[in-house]
Protein backbone atom coordinates (compact mmCIF):
# COMPACT_ATOMS: atom_id res chain seq x y z
CA UNK A 1 0.00 0.00 0.00
CA UNK A 2 1.43 3.35 -0.99
CA UNK A 3 2.36 6.06 1.46
CA UNK A 4 -0.48 8.49 2.16
CA UNK A 5 0.20 12.02 0.95
CA UNK A 6 0.27 14.75 3.59
CA UNK A 7 -2.54 17.33 3.64
CA UNK A 8 -0.11 20.16 2.74
CA UNK A 9 1.11 18.26 -0.33
CA UNK A 10 -2.45 17.56 -1.39
CA UNK A 11 -3.23 21.28 -1.16
CA UNK A 12 -0.15 22.09 -3.22
CA UNK A 13 -1.23 19.66 -5.95
CA UNK A 14 -4.76 21.11 -5.85
CA UNK A 15 -3.43 24.65 -6.30
CA UNK A 16 -1.39 23.59 -9.32
CA UNK A 17 -4.46 22.03 -10.90
CA UNK A 18 -6.67 25.08 -10.39
CA UNK A 19 -7.66 26.97 -13.50
CA UNK A 20 -6.43 30.54 -13.34
CA UNK A 21 -9.37 32.75 -14.30
CA UNK A 22 -8.66 35.97 -16.11
CA UNK A 23 -10.98 38.92 -16.05
CA UNK A 24 -11.40 41.64 -18.60
CA UNK A 25 -12.07 44.96 -16.88
CA UNK A 26 -13.97 47.27 -19.21
CA UNK A 27 -13.46 51.04 -19.10
CA UNK A 28 -15.45 53.20 -21.51
CA UNK A 29 -13.43 55.46 -23.82
CA UNK A 30 -14.92 58.68 -25.19
CA UNK A 31 -13.81 60.35 -28.41
CA UNK A 32 -12.08 57.31 -29.93
CA UNK A 33 -14.12 54.87 -32.04
CA UNK A 34 -12.95 51.69 -33.75
CA UNK A 35 -14.32 51.38 -37.27
CA UNK A 36 -13.69 47.62 -37.24
CA UNK A 37 -12.73 45.11 -34.58
CA UNK A 38 -12.37 41.58 -35.91
CA UNK A 39 -10.19 40.11 -33.15
CA UNK A 40 -11.91 41.60 -30.07
CA UNK A 41 -9.87 40.85 -26.96
CA UNK A 42 -7.66 38.32 -28.74
CA UNK A 43 -4.01 39.36 -29.16
CA UNK A 44 -4.10 42.51 -26.97
CA UNK A 45 -2.37 45.47 -28.61
CA UNK A 46 -0.71 46.71 -25.41
CA UNK A 47 0.27 43.46 -23.73
CA UNK A 48 -2.35 43.25 -21.00
CA UNK A 49 -4.67 45.84 -22.55
CA UNK A 50 -6.48 46.41 -25.82
CA UNK A 51 -9.17 48.58 -27.41
CA UNK A 52 -12.54 47.02 -28.27
CA UNK A 53 -15.55 48.28 -30.14
CA UNK A 54 -19.01 48.69 -28.64
CA UNK A 55 -20.22 45.84 -30.87
CA UNK A 56 -17.51 43.48 -29.62
CA UNK A 57 -18.37 44.09 -25.96
CA UNK A 58 -22.09 43.74 -26.64
CA UNK A 59 -21.49 40.37 -28.30
CA UNK A 60 -19.26 39.17 -25.45
CA UNK A 61 -21.94 40.04 -22.88
CA UNK A 62 -24.92 38.64 -24.78
CA UNK A 63 -23.12 35.37 -25.56
CA UNK A 64 -22.97 34.34 -21.90
CA UNK A 65 -25.94 36.06 -20.22
CA UNK A 66 -29.70 35.92 -20.47
CA UNK A 67 -31.63 38.69 -22.22
CA UNK A 68 -32.52 40.46 -18.95
CA UNK A 69 -28.99 40.09 -17.59
CA UNK A 70 -27.55 41.42 -20.85
CA UNK A 71 -29.81 44.46 -20.71
CA UNK A 72 -28.70 45.17 -17.16
CA UNK A 73 -24.95 44.74 -17.81
CA UNK A 74 -24.95 46.82 -21.01
CA UNK A 75 -26.65 49.65 -19.14
CA UNK A 76 -24.19 49.45 -16.24
CA UNK A 77 -21.11 49.63 -18.49
CA UNK A 78 -22.58 52.42 -20.64
CA UNK A 79 -23.52 50.72 -23.91
CA UNK A 80 -27.19 51.56 -23.28
CA UNK A 81 -28.80 54.22 -21.10
CA UNK A 82 -28.27 53.60 -17.38
CA UNK A 83 -31.58 55.30 -16.61
CA UNK A 84 -33.35 52.37 -18.34
CA UNK A 85 -32.58 50.12 -15.37
CA UNK A 86 -32.64 52.68 -12.55
CA UNK A 87 -35.71 53.65 -10.56
CA UNK A 88 -35.64 57.36 -11.34
CA UNK A 89 -37.89 58.03 -8.35
CA UNK A 90 -34.97 57.04 -6.14
CA UNK A 91 -32.44 59.26 -7.93
CA UNK A 92 -32.37 62.98 -7.00
CA UNK A 93 -32.75 65.28 -10.02
CA UNK A 94 -32.94 62.29 -12.37
CA UNK A 95 -34.53 64.43 -15.07
CA UNK A 96 -31.30 66.43 -15.32
CA UNK A 97 -28.99 63.46 -15.73
CA UNK A 98 -27.37 63.06 -19.14
CA UNK A 99 -25.93 59.62 -19.92
CA UNK A 100 -23.36 59.83 -22.71
CA UNK A 101 -22.32 56.37 -23.95
CA UNK A 102 -18.64 55.66 -24.63
CA UNK A 103 -17.40 55.34 -28.22
CA UNK A 104 -15.30 52.24 -27.50
CA UNK A 105 -13.83 50.34 -24.55
CA UNK A 106 -10.40 49.87 -23.06
CA UNK A 107 -10.23 46.21 -21.96
CA UNK A 108 -7.66 45.50 -19.23
CA UNK A 109 -6.80 41.91 -18.33
CA UNK A 110 -6.30 41.03 -14.68
CA UNK A 111 -6.16 37.64 -12.97
CA UNK A 112 -7.66 38.93 -9.71
CA UNK A 113 -11.22 38.27 -8.66
CA UNK A 114 -13.63 40.81 -10.05
CA UNK A 115 -14.82 41.64 -6.55
CA UNK A 116 -11.36 42.71 -5.44
CA UNK A 117 -11.23 46.52 -5.21
CA UNK A 118 -7.46 46.59 -5.81
CA UNK A 119 -8.03 44.91 -9.18
CA UNK A 120 -10.59 47.55 -10.16
CA UNK A 121 -8.15 50.30 -9.17
CA UNK A 122 -5.31 48.65 -11.09
CA UNK A 123 -7.49 48.34 -14.20
CA UNK A 124 -8.67 51.96 -13.98
CA UNK A 125 -5.07 53.20 -13.70
CA UNK A 126 -3.93 51.06 -16.62
CA UNK A 127 -6.85 52.25 -18.77
CA UNK A 128 -5.92 55.85 -17.99
CA UNK A 129 -2.32 55.18 -19.10
CA UNK A 130 -3.54 53.85 -22.46
CA UNK A 131 -5.88 56.83 -22.86
CA UNK A 132 -2.87 59.10 -22.15
CA UNK A 133 -0.84 57.20 -24.75
CA UNK A 134 -3.47 57.80 -27.42
CA UNK A 135 -4.15 61.44 -26.47
CA UNK A 136 -0.55 62.61 -26.12
CA UNK A 137 0.58 60.77 -29.26
CA UNK A 138 -2.24 62.42 -31.20
CA UNK A 139 -1.41 65.88 -29.78
CA UNK A 140 2.36 65.59 -30.28
CA UNK A 141 1.96 64.49 -33.90
CA UNK A 142 -0.90 66.71 -35.06
CA UNK A 143 -0.51 69.84 -32.84
CA UNK A 144 -4.20 69.61 -31.91
CA UNK A 145 -5.24 68.85 -28.34
CA UNK A 146 -7.63 65.92 -28.48
CA UNK A 147 -8.29 64.17 -25.16
CA UNK A 148 -9.60 60.62 -25.43
CA UNK A 149 -11.30 60.23 -22.06
CA UNK A 150 -11.90 57.19 -19.87
CA UNK A 151 -15.49 57.17 -18.61
CA UNK A 152 -14.55 58.00 -15.03
CA UNK A 153 -13.04 61.28 -16.25
CA UNK A 154 -15.40 62.19 -19.08
CA UNK A 155 -18.59 62.17 -17.07
CA UNK A 156 -17.22 64.47 -14.40
CA UNK A 157 -17.48 67.43 -16.75
CA UNK A 158 -21.12 67.53 -17.80
CA UNK A 159 -22.06 71.24 -17.73
CA UNK A 160 -24.90 72.77 -15.76
CA UNK A 161 -26.86 75.90 -16.52
CA UNK A 162 -26.38 79.04 -14.44
CA UNK A 163 -29.60 80.94 -14.78
CA UNK A 164 -29.64 84.66 -15.45
CA UNK A 165 -29.67 87.32 -12.75
CA UNK A 166 -32.34 89.69 -14.03
CA UNK A 167 -34.10 92.77 -12.72
CA UNK A 168 -37.66 94.09 -12.63
CA UNK A 169 -38.67 97.59 -11.51
CA UNK A 170 -41.80 98.93 -9.78
CA UNK A 171 -43.49 99.55 -13.13
CA UNK A 172 -43.00 95.98 -14.26
CA UNK A 173 -40.16 96.74 -16.68
CA UNK A 174 -37.98 93.66 -17.01
CA UNK A 175 -34.23 93.69 -17.64
CA UNK A 176 -32.92 90.31 -18.65
CA UNK A 177 -29.50 89.30 -17.44
CA UNK A 178 -27.08 86.90 -19.06
CA UNK A 179 -27.32 83.16 -18.57
CA UNK A 180 -24.36 80.85 -18.98
CA UNK A 181 -23.16 77.30 -18.44
CA UNK A 182 -20.41 76.12 -16.14
CA UNK A 183 -18.41 72.98 -16.55
CA UNK A 184 -16.69 71.80 -19.70
CA UNK A 185 -18.99 69.66 -21.84
CA UNK A 186 -17.80 66.26 -22.94
CA UNK A 187 -16.27 66.71 -26.39
CA UNK A 188 -18.55 64.69 -28.63
CA UNK A 189 -16.10 64.86 -31.53
CA UNK A 190 -15.11 61.29 -32.36
CA UNK A 191 -11.85 60.14 -33.93
CA UNK A 192 -12.54 57.04 -36.10
CA UNK A 193 -9.65 54.58 -36.23
CA UNK A 194 -9.35 51.14 -37.77
CA UNK A 195 -8.03 48.50 -35.38
CA UNK A 196 -5.85 47.20 -38.21
CA UNK A 197 -4.24 50.66 -38.49
CA UNK A 198 -3.91 50.92 -34.71
CA UNK A 199 -2.11 47.59 -34.49
CA UNK A 200 0.10 48.40 -37.51
CA UNK A 201 1.11 51.70 -35.92
CA UNK A 202 2.17 49.84 -32.79
CA UNK A 203 3.94 46.95 -34.51
CA UNK A 204 5.27 48.48 -37.72
CA UNK A 205 5.54 52.23 -36.91
CA UNK A 206 3.05 53.10 -39.64
CA UNK A 207 1.04 56.33 -39.49
CA UNK A 208 -2.67 56.77 -38.87
CA UNK A 209 -4.58 59.45 -40.77
CA UNK A 210 -6.68 61.61 -38.47
CA UNK A 211 -10.10 63.09 -39.19
CA UNK A 212 -8.43 66.48 -39.79
CA UNK A 213 -6.06 64.96 -42.38
CA UNK A 214 -3.00 64.88 -40.10
CA UNK A 215 -0.78 61.86 -39.59
CA UNK A 216 -0.11 60.45 -36.13
CA UNK A 217 1.45 57.34 -34.67
CA UNK A 218 1.80 55.39 -31.44
CA UNK A 219 4.97 53.71 -32.61
CA UNK A 220 7.08 52.35 -29.73
CA UNK A 221 10.18 53.50 -31.65
CA UNK A 222 9.36 56.85 -30.02
CA UNK A 223 10.18 56.69 -26.34
CA UNK A 224 7.04 58.29 -24.90
CA UNK A 225 4.57 55.81 -26.47
CA UNK A 226 6.88 52.97 -25.44
CA UNK A 227 6.97 54.16 -21.83
CA UNK A 228 3.21 54.62 -21.60
CA UNK A 229 2.52 51.21 -23.16
CA UNK A 230 5.05 49.40 -20.93
CA UNK A 231 3.93 47.33 -17.95
CA UNK A 232 7.29 47.69 -16.14
CA UNK A 233 9.18 50.96 -15.79
CA UNK A 234 12.28 52.33 -14.12
CA UNK A 235 12.03 55.28 -11.65
CA UNK A 236 12.57 58.03 -14.22
CA UNK A 237 9.97 56.46 -16.52
CA UNK A 238 7.50 56.48 -13.62
CA UNK A 239 8.27 60.20 -13.34
CA UNK A 240 7.46 60.63 -17.03
CA UNK A 241 4.11 58.84 -16.57
CA UNK A 242 3.33 61.12 -13.62
CA UNK A 243 4.05 64.20 -15.74
CA UNK A 244 1.86 62.80 -18.53
CA UNK A 245 -0.93 62.34 -16.00
CA UNK A 246 -0.72 66.03 -15.08
CA UNK A 247 -0.89 67.07 -18.75
CA UNK A 248 -3.74 64.68 -19.48
CA UNK A 249 -5.76 66.03 -16.57
CA UNK A 250 -4.90 69.53 -17.72
CA UNK A 251 -6.53 68.70 -21.09
CA UNK A 252 -9.76 68.15 -19.15
CA UNK A 253 -9.63 71.07 -16.73
CA UNK A 254 -12.43 73.62 -17.00
CA UNK A 255 -10.65 76.96 -16.48
CA UNK A 256 -7.59 78.32 -18.33
CA UNK A 257 -5.82 78.91 -15.01
CA UNK A 258 -6.17 75.28 -14.00
CA UNK A 259 -5.03 74.13 -17.45
CA UNK A 260 -1.97 76.41 -17.32
CA UNK A 261 -1.10 75.24 -13.79
CA UNK A 262 -1.32 71.57 -14.80
CA UNK A 263 1.01 72.20 -17.75
CA UNK A 264 3.62 74.08 -15.71
CA UNK A 265 3.43 71.51 -12.90
CA UNK A 266 4.22 68.69 -15.34
CA UNK A 267 7.36 70.52 -16.48
CA UNK A 268 8.40 71.21 -12.88
CA UNK A 269 8.13 67.50 -12.11
CA UNK A 270 10.58 66.69 -14.89
CA UNK A 271 13.06 69.55 -14.67
CA UNK A 272 13.19 70.74 -11.05
CA UNK A 273 14.07 68.77 -7.95
CA UNK A 274 13.26 70.46 -4.64
CA UNK A 275 13.74 73.95 -6.00
CA UNK A 276 10.96 76.16 -7.35
CA UNK A 277 13.41 78.33 -9.31
CA UNK A 278 11.46 79.20 -12.43
CA UNK A 279 14.45 80.88 -14.08
CA UNK A 280 16.17 77.51 -13.84
CA UNK A 281 13.09 75.83 -15.28
CA UNK A 282 13.12 78.26 -18.22
CA UNK A 283 16.79 77.65 -19.01
CA UNK A 284 16.36 73.86 -18.89
CA UNK A 285 13.30 74.00 -21.14
CA UNK A 286 15.27 76.02 -23.69
CA UNK A 287 18.11 73.49 -23.55
CA UNK A 288 15.73 70.54 -23.93
CA UNK A 289 13.51 71.77 -26.77
CA UNK A 290 14.93 71.96 -30.26
CA UNK A 291 13.77 75.47 -31.12
CA UNK A 292 15.46 78.77 -32.00
CA UNK A 293 15.96 81.83 -29.82
CA UNK A 294 12.97 83.68 -31.29
CA UNK A 295 10.68 80.78 -30.49
CA UNK A 296 12.13 80.50 -26.99
CA UNK A 297 10.22 83.69 -26.24
CA UNK A 298 7.10 81.49 -26.06
CA UNK A 299 8.56 79.86 -22.95
CA UNK A 300 9.19 83.28 -21.39
CA UNK A 301 5.63 84.42 -22.15
CA UNK A 302 4.10 81.31 -20.61
CA UNK A 303 6.18 81.73 -17.46
CA UNK A 304 4.95 85.31 -17.25
CA UNK A 305 1.34 84.08 -17.58
CA UNK A 306 2.02 81.67 -14.73
CA UNK A 307 3.47 84.47 -12.57
CA UNK A 308 0.51 86.76 -13.29
CA UNK A 309 -1.97 84.01 -12.42
CA UNK A 310 -0.28 82.80 -9.22
CA UNK A 311 0.89 86.12 -7.79
CA UNK A 312 -1.57 88.66 -9.20
CA UNK A 313 -4.69 86.59 -9.75
CA UNK A 314 -4.90 87.33 -13.48
CA UNK A 315 -6.71 84.51 -15.27
CA UNK A 316 -4.79 83.52 -18.44
CA UNK A 317 -6.55 83.35 -21.79
CA UNK A 318 -7.72 80.04 -23.19
CA UNK A 319 -5.12 80.44 -25.97
CA UNK A 320 -2.34 80.82 -23.40
CA UNK A 321 -3.43 77.69 -21.54
CA UNK A 322 -3.62 75.71 -24.80
CA UNK A 323 -0.10 76.83 -25.69
CA UNK A 324 1.09 75.77 -22.23
CA UNK A 325 -0.38 72.28 -22.65
CA UNK A 326 1.16 71.97 -26.12
CA UNK A 327 4.55 73.02 -24.77
CA UNK A 328 4.21 70.54 -21.91
CA UNK A 329 3.44 67.77 -24.43
CA UNK A 330 6.54 68.62 -26.46
CA UNK A 331 8.56 68.73 -23.23
CA UNK A 332 7.56 65.27 -22.00
CA UNK A 333 8.11 63.86 -25.49
CA UNK A 334 11.65 65.29 -25.63
CA UNK A 335 12.41 64.35 -22.02
CA UNK A 336 11.43 60.73 -22.73
CA UNK A 337 14.08 60.51 -25.43
CA UNK A 338 16.75 62.02 -23.21
CA UNK A 339 16.04 59.77 -20.24
CA UNK A 340 16.77 56.74 -22.42
CA UNK A 341 20.42 57.84 -22.27
CA UNK A 342 20.27 59.34 -18.76
CA UNK A 343 17.96 57.08 -16.70
CA UNK A 344 17.66 59.38 -13.67
CA UNK A 345 16.29 62.91 -13.34
CA UNK A 346 19.54 64.05 -11.71
CA UNK A 347 21.55 63.12 -14.82
CA UNK A 348 19.00 64.60 -17.24
CA UNK A 349 19.20 67.89 -15.37
CA UNK A 350 23.02 67.85 -15.41
CA UNK A 351 22.96 67.23 -19.16
CA UNK A 352 20.60 70.17 -19.78
CA UNK A 353 22.61 72.46 -17.50
CA UNK A 354 25.72 71.49 -19.48
CA UNK A 355 24.03 72.57 -22.73
CA UNK A 356 23.00 75.87 -21.14
CA UNK A 357 26.52 76.50 -19.85
CA UNK A 358 28.02 75.62 -23.23
CA UNK A 359 25.78 78.02 -25.14
CA UNK A 360 26.64 80.75 -22.63
CA UNK A 361 30.29 80.36 -23.71
CA UNK A 362 29.58 81.15 -27.36
CA UNK A 363 31.14 84.61 -27.11
CA UNK A 364 34.52 83.28 -25.93
CA UNK A 365 34.73 80.02 -27.86
CA UNK A 366 36.38 79.84 -31.21
CA UNK A 367 34.14 79.48 -34.25
CA UNK A 368 35.32 75.90 -34.74
CA UNK A 369 34.65 74.89 -31.10
CA UNK A 370 31.21 76.49 -31.10
CA UNK A 371 30.37 74.79 -34.39
CA UNK A 372 31.33 71.37 -33.01
CA UNK A 373 29.31 71.95 -29.82
CA UNK A 374 26.22 72.97 -31.75
CA UNK A 375 26.59 70.04 -34.17
CA UNK A 376 26.84 67.56 -31.29
CA UNK A 377 23.76 69.07 -29.67
CA UNK A 378 21.82 68.95 -32.96
CA UNK A 379 22.64 65.26 -33.42
CA UNK A 380 21.52 64.47 -29.86
CA UNK A 381 18.42 66.63 -30.12
CA UNK A 382 17.14 65.02 -33.33
CA UNK A 383 15.76 62.04 -31.39
CA UNK A 384 13.92 64.23 -28.90
CA UNK A 385 12.05 66.34 -31.44
CA UNK A 386 8.33 65.54 -31.81
CA UNK A 387 7.80 63.88 -35.22
CA UNK A 388 6.00 66.77 -36.89
CA UNK A 389 8.72 69.30 -36.00
CA UNK A 390 12.00 69.63 -37.85
CA UNK A 391 15.17 70.90 -36.25
CA UNK A 392 15.18 74.69 -35.76
CA UNK A 393 11.54 74.94 -36.85
CA UNK A 394 9.81 77.92 -35.26
CA UNK A 395 7.71 76.32 -32.56
CA UNK A 396 5.93 79.60 -31.89
CA UNK A 397 4.04 79.31 -35.18
CA UNK A 398 2.94 75.81 -34.26
CA UNK A 399 1.91 76.79 -30.76
CA UNK A 400 -0.02 79.85 -31.91
CA UNK A 401 -2.33 77.75 -34.08
CA UNK A 402 -2.81 74.98 -31.51
CA UNK A 403 -6.44 74.66 -30.50
CA UNK A 404 -8.63 72.12 -28.81
CA UNK A 405 -10.31 69.76 -31.27
CA UNK A 406 -10.43 70.22 -35.00
CA UNK A 407 -8.95 73.27 -36.76
């Protein structure tokens, strides 16, 4: 008779035989619509994450659930109107609720139980990273700010009406005041993209044509898309993701002051350590970005807008805040390329300070020495220039025409 296995060994064998269930966490994505989606969740584009069409998700749900269950789930995740399954008598101000369905879904794969809150949080964070990847790649390549929003962000900005303050005198004469709306409405502009093109851009560095006839790409040959798509990152890459998060949230801020602050904060995260020396920030930005002296005046103007807002309470214009977010996008794109060679913020800063110090010596260097220094900097800077800019292009012209949405 064979020796009886111990209980601990039996448990070990049982654990090895268990089927590891994987869950797809679905986060609605606004502003980005797949025109075709043949493979669904098969062969995820971003390792553990992919983009799926509304039709794909609807088919996945209906294939495993009853008709009533399908109706309920599709309403909960946003495919159909949530108010269809909610008792509106139990919801305050239900008549004012607007339910805007997503245009596609970010599907994040996790092996944790679906009831585990940490898994939900992990999936939400990952979905936001992929939304940042799409939004910042689009902005850096086309020069138009186009946020593709996860549902948890998009629905926070539904506007409400502020009714007019009017006047009426003793004779019954009525003076109508002005009414307005507060809150930034969800941008209902949709960018249609083929999943075939999306996958080709990731795998083969091909370009995607936008709805405004610009070309953009999420090719991992550029460092920023690679960092945002990665599942593992070094400390300086985590810093880059944090700066991207500030910019991305700035895209969705309501007021120009908040948008400007988010943009400047992202650049501080990358280029300052414990100091808040904005002169130092300006000099490092000018060393990092491949632009000429005339265009560097844009940096000075934006810093002045920041000073006026923080210290004098002057709200910047919408155009100024858009320029700040564009500049922040170019900055994080360039910084990502530099940190590939200098994988710590300390070394990136030393490198940029060296460039600044070298250019300050131009009046005492010989023509030959200055020429060699500039040539070396041009070669190094080529990899950190956003794809649609050429070396020494006047960034001011690009920034001046940058607007939210379509031209």
